[in-house]
Structures are given as C-alpha cells and as structure tokens.
Protein backbone atom coordinates (compact mmCIF):
# COMPACT_ATOMS: atom_id res chain seq x y z
CA UNK A 1 11.92 -0.98 3.09
CA UNK A 2 10.16 -2.50 1.00
CA UNK A 3 9.58 -1.50 -2.38
CA UNK A 4 5.06 -2.98 -3.12
CA UNK A 5 4.31 -2.20 0.53
CA UNK A 6 5.99 1.67 -0.79
CA UNK A 7 4.09 1.68 -3.67
CA UNK A 8 -0.13 1.11 -2.01
CA UNK A 9 1.18 4.07 0.85
CA UNK A 10 2.15 6.34 -1.97
CA UNK A 11 -1.40 5.57 -3.90
CA UNK A 12 -2.84 6.04 0.00
CA UNK A 13 -0.99 9.38 -0.50
CA UNK A 14 -1.70 9.24 -4.00
CA UNK A 15 -4.32 7.68 -4.70
CA UNK A 16 -4.42 9.39 -9.13
CA UNK A 17 -0.39 8.62 -9.20
CA UNK A 18 -0.76 4.99 -10.72
CA UNK A 19 -2.87 2.45 -13.16
CA UNK A 20 -5.34 0.31 -11.61
CA UNK A 21 -3.34 -2.48 -13.40
CA UNK A 22 0.35 -0.90 -11.99
CA UNK A 23 -1.91 -1.62 -8.89
CA UNK A 24 -2.77 -5.10 -9.63
CA UNK A 25 1.04 -5.71 -10.95
CA UNK A 26 2.86 -5.13 -7.78
CA UNK A 27 0.25 -7.26 -6.22
CA UNK A 28 1.66 -9.82 -7.79
CA UNK A 29 5.47 -8.82 -7.57
CA UNK A 30 4.33 -8.63 -4.00
CA UNK A 31 4.82 -12.63 -3.36
CA UNK A 32 6.20 -12.42 0.23
CA UNK A 33 3.88 -9.88 1.64
CA UNK A 34 0.78 -11.51 0.21
CA UNK A 35 -2.02 -11.12 2.27
CA UNK A 36 -1.60 -7.68 3.46
CA UNK A 37 -1.40 -6.07 -0.57
CA UNK A 38 -3.43 -7.94 -2.04
CA UNK A 39 -6.27 -6.52 0.42
CA UNK A 40 -5.03 -3.43 0.59
CA UNK A 41 -4.53 -3.73 -4.01
CA UNK A 42 -8.01 -4.72 -3.98
CA UNK A 43 -8.93 -1.95 -1.50
CA UNK A 44 -7.29 0.40 -3.59
CA UNK A 45 -8.89 -0.60 -7.02
CA UNK A 46 -12.67 -0.84 -5.80
CA UNK A 47 -15.11 2.04 -5.72
CA UNK A 48 -14.77 4.32 -2.75
CA UNK A 49 -16.36 3.74 -0.05
CA UNK A 50 -15.40 4.44 3.82
CA UNK A 51 -14.73 -0.32 4.17
CA UNK A 52 -12.32 0.79 0.80
CA UNK A 53 -9.53 3.64 3.63
CA UNK A 54 -10.13 1.25 7.21
CA UNK A 55 -9.46 -2.07 4.56
CA UNK A 56 -5.73 -0.25 3.29
CA UNK A 57 -5.00 1.13 6.89
CA UNK A 58 -5.93 -3.53 8.15
CA UNK A 59 -3.70 -4.43 6.34
CA UNK A 60 -1.68 -2.49 5.94
CA UNK A 61 -0.50 -2.15 9.54
CA UNK A 62 -0.38 -6.26 9.68
CA UNK A 63 2.58 -6.16 7.26
CA UNK A 64 4.06 -3.40 9.82
CA UNK A 65 3.36 -6.11 13.10
CA UNK A 66 4.26 -9.15 11.45
CA UNK A 67 7.61 -7.28 9.25
CA UNK A 68 8.85 -5.21 12.57
CA UNK A 69 8.81 -2.40 9.57
CA UNK A 70 7.81 1.81 11.15
CA UNK A 71 5.65 2.78 9.06
CA UNK A 72 6.47 6.27 9.18
CA UNK A 73 9.68 5.48 7.46
CA UNK A 74 7.86 4.99 4.50
CA UNK A 75 5.99 8.04 4.73
CA UNK A 76 8.99 10.31 5.53
CA UNK A 77 10.02 8.20 2.03
CA UNK A 78 7.63 8.91 0.23
CA UNK A 79 7.43 12.83 1.63
CA UNK A 80 11.66 13.09 0.99
CA UNK A 81 10.98 12.11 -2.88
CA UNK A 82 7.98 14.71 -2.87
CA UNK A 83 10.22 18.02 -2.58
C-alpha cells in the first residue's frame, strides 16, 4: 500500500486532517507516483470548486489503473484507523 496515495485519499475523505504544507511534502516524497500525486495534492490545496473533486478522482483513478492496486483496500484501511 502506497502511504502517499493513502494520505491523498484520507485527505479527500477528511479534508481538515492535513495542512497544505503536509500535502505538498507528501507530493515531493511521492516521486514514483508523481503525476497522480501532483494533481491530487494541487487539487486539495485549491479553493473549493467542482473541478477539485473531479481532478482528485481522475488522478487517483489513474494511479490505481497504472498500479493495479485496489482503491477499496485504501478506503478500508482509512476506515479501520477511525475505529
């Protein structure tokens, strides 16, 4: 499980959990998934609008398409941490 992608999904589900600086640092650390992370982190830091959610979803979907990982596994891990 990619901790950087996990953070992006967690931020998308819990928008007040991370600071902009944390999201930007996460983007820099995620070199090997740079395009998906760059788009997702930038979208998280933009002002609220409809394009933000679309960009996040497209970026994450592209990561999961390329990696072959299961998005639901990430969501389950986030929900498990909440319990």
